């Protein structure tokens, strides 16, 4: 018997919609905006909500993947944080990364209330992260 409201019953995009609506303030609006930019940059992006706990069905982190995790989006009290799984390996000529700069793998972008994001630079960063993950959409090399 299928349990209504189970994890399998909910589409990932709807789970992310709920996470975006959760703060009901500028943070939700910003997460919604960067989500749209992510999907514009790579229409083949897969959206998921990971790391949910049975004790809190609303918990979980929005995750965008293409051949591996590209980035996650989280809302905190004073920032919307976008963490790029392989950010330390990405070129960032526009200087979007402003958090988690000391690590060897991840990099993050913290966006505070009233701040804008350079949309062109952000989309380029998303495309670079997807490229770094590799693409199974490429034609096989001929020998």
C-alpha atoms as a PDB file:
ATOM      1  CA  UNK A   1       0.000   0.000   0.000  1.00  0.00           C
ATOM      2  CA  UNK A   2       1.370   3.394  -1.016  1.00  0.00           C
ATOM      3  CA  UNK A   3       1.534   5.850   1.838  1.00  0.00           C
ATOM      4  CA  UNK A   4       0.294   9.285   0.771  1.00  0.00           C
ATOM      5  CA  UNK A   5       2.837  11.966   1.501  1.00  0.00           C
ATOM      6  CA  UNK A   6       5.740   9.547   1.369  1.00  0.00           C
ATOM      7  CA  UNK A   7       9.058  10.649  -0.114  1.00  0.00           C
ATOM      8  CA  UNK A   8       8.345   8.671  -3.288  1.00  0.00           C
ATOM      9  CA  UNK A   9       4.990  10.457  -3.686  1.00  0.00           C
ATOM     10  CA  UNK A  10       6.540  13.935  -3.880  1.00  0.00           C
ATOM     11  CA  UNK A  11       8.248  15.293  -6.982  1.00  0.00           C
ATOM     12  CA  UNK A  12      11.694  16.793  -6.277  1.00  0.00           C
ATOM     13  CA  UNK A  13      10.736  20.141  -7.828  1.00  0.00           C
ATOM     14  CA  UNK A  14       7.742  20.428  -5.469  1.00  0.00           C
ATOM     15  CA  UNK A  15       9.987  19.715  -2.505  1.00  0.00           C
ATOM     16  CA  UNK A  16      12.277  22.528  -3.580  1.00  0.00           C
ATOM     17  CA  UNK A  17       9.241  24.792  -4.076  1.00  0.00           C
ATOM     18  CA  UNK A  18       8.279  24.090  -0.469  1.00  0.00           C
ATOM     19  CA  UNK A  19      11.821  24.837   0.736  1.00  0.00           C
ATOM     20  CA  UNK A  20      11.779  28.135  -1.161  1.00  0.00           C
ATOM     21  CA  UNK A  21       8.410  29.091   0.310  1.00  0.00           C
ATOM     22  CA  UNK A  22       9.511  28.155   3.829  1.00  0.00           C
ATOM     23  CA  UNK A  23      11.265  31.402   4.841  1.00  0.00           C
ATOM     24  CA  UNK A  24       8.502  33.576   3.275  1.00  0.00           C
ATOM     25  CA  UNK A  25      10.847  36.557   2.996  1.00  0.00           C
ATOM     26  CA  UNK A  26      13.760  37.820   0.886  1.00  0.00           C
ATOM     27  CA  UNK A  27      15.638  34.524   1.381  1.00  0.00           C
ATOM     28  CA  UNK A  28      12.925  32.513  -0.369  1.00  0.00           C
ATOM     29  CA  UNK A  29      12.771  35.070  -3.163  1.00  0.00           C
ATOM     30  CA  UNK A  30      16.547  34.942  -3.631  1.00  0.00           C
ATOM     31  CA  UNK A  31      16.652  31.136  -3.586  1.00  0.00           C
ATOM     32  CA  UNK A  32      13.887  31.148  -6.192  1.00  0.00           C
ATOM     33  CA  UNK A  33      15.855  33.606  -8.340  1.00  0.00           C
ATOM     34  CA  UNK A  34      19.106  31.624  -8.250  1.00  0.00           C
ATOM     35  CA  UNK A  35      17.163  28.427  -8.944  1.00  0.00           C
ATOM     36  CA  UNK A  36      15.825  30.035 -12.131  1.00  0.00           C
ATOM     37  CA  UNK A  37      19.362  31.105 -13.109  1.00  0.00           C
ATOM     38  CA  UNK A  38      20.663  27.579 -12.514  1.00  0.00           C
ATOM     39  CA  UNK A  39      17.979  26.085 -14.744  1.00  0.00           C
ATOM     40  CA  UNK A  40      18.610  28.746 -17.431  1.00  0.00           C
ATOM     41  CA  UNK A  41      22.328  27.961 -17.389  1.00  0.00           C
ATOM     42  CA  UNK A  42      21.732  24.236 -17.786  1.00  0.00           C
ATOM     43  CA  UNK A  43      18.243  23.026 -18.733  1.00  0.00           C
ATOM     44  CA  UNK A  44      19.497  19.453 -18.193  1.00  0.00           C
ATOM     45  CA  UNK A  45      20.076  20.120 -14.496  1.00  0.00           C
ATOM     46  CA  UNK A  46      18.489  17.658 -12.058  1.00  0.00           C
ATOM     47  CA  UNK A  47      16.835  19.087  -8.952  1.00  0.00           C
ATOM     48  CA  UNK A  48      16.637  17.099  -5.739  1.00  0.00           C
ATOM     49  CA  UNK A  49      16.146  17.692  -2.071  1.00  0.00           C
ATOM     50  CA  UNK A  50      18.639  15.613  -0.118  1.00  0.00           C
ATOM     51  CA  UNK A  51      19.488  14.846   3.452  1.00  0.00           C
ATOM     52  CA  UNK A  52      15.901  14.932   4.719  1.00  0.00           C
ATOM     53  CA  UNK A  53      15.173  13.431   8.115  1.00  0.00           C
ATOM     54  CA  UNK A  54      12.127  11.317   8.872  1.00  0.00           C
ATOM     55  CA  UNK A  55      11.525  13.453  11.969  1.00  0.00           C
ATOM     56  CA  UNK A  56      11.295  16.618   9.852  1.00  0.00           C
ATOM     57  CA  UNK A  57       9.845  16.154   6.377  1.00  0.00           C
ATOM     58  CA  UNK A  58      10.369  19.847   5.601  1.00  0.00           C
ATOM     59  CA  UNK A  59      14.084  19.564   6.254  1.00  0.00           C
ATOM     60  CA  UNK A  60      16.507  18.867   3.494  1.00  0.00           C
ATOM     61  CA  UNK A  61      18.735  20.787   1.161  1.00  0.00           C
ATOM     62  CA  UNK A  62      17.968  21.756  -2.445  1.00  0.00           C
ATOM     63  CA  UNK A  63      20.629  20.139  -4.651  1.00  0.00           C
ATOM     64  CA  UNK A  64      21.296  20.740  -8.340  1.00  0.00           C
ATOM     65  CA  UNK A  65      23.205  18.015 -10.182  1.00  0.00           C
ATOM     66  CA  UNK A  66      24.446  17.197 -13.652  1.00  0.00           C
ATOM     67  CA  UNK A  67      26.792  14.190 -13.724  1.00  0.00           C
ATOM     68  CA  UNK A  68      27.441  14.902 -10.045  1.00  0.00           C
ATOM     69  CA  UNK A  69      26.507  17.626  -7.603  1.00  0.00           C
ATOM     70  CA  UNK A  70      26.937  21.121  -9.013  1.00  0.00           C
ATOM     71  CA  UNK A  71      25.706  23.124  -6.028  1.00  0.00           C
ATOM     72  CA  UNK A  72      23.391  23.220  -3.044  1.00  0.00           C
ATOM     73  CA  UNK A  73      21.196  26.074  -1.848  1.00  0.00           C
ATOM     74  CA  UNK A  74      20.478  26.782   1.795  1.00  0.00           C
ATOM     75  CA  UNK A  75      18.804  29.575   3.701  1.00  0.00           C
ATOM     76  CA  UNK A  76      20.232  30.810   6.980  1.00  0.00           C
ATOM     77  CA  UNK A  77      19.164  33.682   9.198  1.00  0.00           C
ATOM     78  CA  UNK A  78      21.194  36.311   7.346  1.00  0.00           C
ATOM     79  CA  UNK A  79      22.283  34.662   4.077  1.00  0.00           C
ATOM     80  CA  UNK A  80      21.323  32.448   1.199  1.00  0.00           C
ATOM     81  CA  UNK A  81      24.304  30.127   0.740  1.00  0.00           C
ATOM     82  CA  UNK A  82      25.105  28.437  -2.561  1.00  0.00           C
ATOM     83  CA  UNK A  83      27.812  25.838  -2.065  1.00  0.00           C
ATOM     84  CA  UNK A  84      29.593  24.481  -5.131  1.00  0.00           C
ATOM     85  CA  UNK A  85      30.781  20.904  -4.580  1.00  0.00           C
ATOM     86  CA  UNK A  86      33.958  21.375  -6.658  1.00  0.00           C
ATOM     87  CA  UNK A  87      34.187  25.148  -6.335  1.00  0.00           C
ATOM     88  CA  UNK A  88      37.893  25.203  -5.487  1.00  0.00           C
ATOM     89  CA  UNK A  89      38.583  23.767  -8.951  1.00  0.00           C
ATOM     90  CA  UNK A  90      36.557  26.424 -10.767  1.00  0.00           C
ATOM     91  CA  UNK A  91      37.833  29.658 -12.232  1.00  0.00           C
ATOM     92  CA  UNK A  92      35.928  32.592 -10.700  1.00  0.00           C
ATOM     93  CA  UNK A  93      37.003  35.682 -12.674  1.00  0.00           C
ATOM     94  CA  UNK A  94      34.043  37.716 -11.380  1.00  0.00           C
ATOM     95  CA  UNK A  95      34.825  36.935  -7.738  1.00  0.00           C
ATOM     96  CA  UNK A  96      31.425  35.473  -6.871  1.00  0.00           C
ATOM     97  CA  UNK A  97      32.844  33.068  -4.286  1.00  0.00           C
ATOM     98  CA  UNK A  98      32.977  34.839  -0.937  1.00  0.00           C
ATOM     99  CA  UNK A  99      32.662  31.994   1.581  1.00  0.00           C
ATOM    100  CA  UNK A 100      34.366  28.678   2.385  1.00  0.00           C
ATOM    101  CA  UNK A 101      37.450  29.988   0.616  1.00  0.00           C
ATOM    102  CA  UNK A 102      39.956  28.128   2.774  1.00  0.00           C
ATOM    103  CA  UNK A 103      38.928  24.587   1.789  1.00  0.00           C
ATOM    104  CA  UNK A 104      40.491  22.404  -0.869  1.00  0.00           C
ATOM    105  CA  UNK A 105      37.237  21.325  -2.500  1.00  0.00           C
ATOM    106  CA  UNK A 106      34.150  23.453  -1.906  1.00  0.00           C
ATOM    107  CA  UNK A 107      33.497  27.157  -2.398  1.00  0.00           C
ATOM    108  CA  UNK A 108      30.359  29.092  -1.580  1.00  0.00           C
ATOM    109  CA  UNK A 109      28.523  32.272  -2.398  1.00  0.00           C
ATOM    110  CA  UNK A 110      26.791  33.999   0.512  1.00  0.00           C
ATOM    111  CA  UNK A 111      24.093  36.433  -0.568  1.00  0.00           C
ATOM    112  CA  UNK A 112      22.790  38.883   2.031  1.00  0.00           C
ATOM    113  CA  UNK A 113      19.555  40.835   2.048  1.00  0.00           C
ATOM    114  CA  UNK A 114      19.631  43.648  -0.488  1.00  0.00           C
ATOM    115  CA  UNK A 115      22.589  42.218  -2.420  1.00  0.00           C
ATOM    116  CA  UNK A 116      22.315  41.446  -6.101  1.00  0.00           C
ATOM    117  CA  UNK A 117      24.100  38.670  -7.930  1.00  0.00           C
ATOM    118  CA  UNK A 118      25.831  39.134 -11.272  1.00  0.00           C
ATOM    119  CA  UNK A 119      23.468  36.898 -13.236  1.00  0.00           C
ATOM    120  CA  UNK A 120      25.701  36.446 -16.285  1.00  0.00           C
ATOM    121  CA  UNK A 121      28.705  35.543 -14.127  1.00  0.00           C
ATOM    122  CA  UNK A 122      26.578  33.168 -12.041  1.00  0.00           C
ATOM    123  CA  UNK A 123      25.230  31.341 -15.104  1.00  0.00           C
ATOM    124  CA  UNK A 124      28.800  31.061 -16.442  1.00  0.00           C
ATOM    125  CA  UNK A 125      29.917  29.593 -13.102  1.00  0.00           C
ATOM    126  CA  UNK A 126      27.087  27.034 -13.241  1.00  0.00           C
ATOM    127  CA  UNK A 127      28.072  26.043 -16.793  1.00  0.00           C
ATOM    128  CA  UNK A 128      31.715  25.723 -15.725  1.00  0.00           C
ATOM    129  CA  UNK A 129      30.717  23.485 -12.798  1.00  0.00           C
ATOM    130  CA  UNK A 130      28.676  21.260 -15.116  1.00  0.00           C
ATOM    131  CA  UNK A 131      31.599  21.079 -17.533  1.00  0.00           C
ATOM    132  CA  UNK A 132      33.950  20.153 -14.680  1.00  0.00           C
ATOM    133  CA  UNK A 133      31.630  17.268 -13.776  1.00  0.00           C
ATOM    134  CA  UNK A 134      31.874  16.053 -17.366  1.00  0.00           C
ATOM    135  CA  UNK A 135      28.974  15.542 -19.662  1.00  0.00           C
ATOM    136  CA  UNK A 136      27.544  12.239 -20.819  1.00  0.00           C
ATOM    137  CA  UNK A 137      25.769  14.260 -23.514  1.00  0.00           C
ATOM    138  CA  UNK A 138      29.024  14.525 -25.505  1.00  0.00           C
ATOM    139  CA  UNK A 139      29.544  12.290 -28.491  1.00  0.00           C
ATOM    140  CA  UNK A 140      32.078   9.520 -27.880  1.00  0.00           C
ATOM    141  CA  UNK A 141      35.589  10.165 -29.137  1.00  0.00           C
ATOM    142  CA  UNK A 142      36.486   8.466 -32.375  1.00  0.00           C
ATOM    143  CA  UNK A 143      39.687   6.428 -32.427  1.00  0.00           C
END
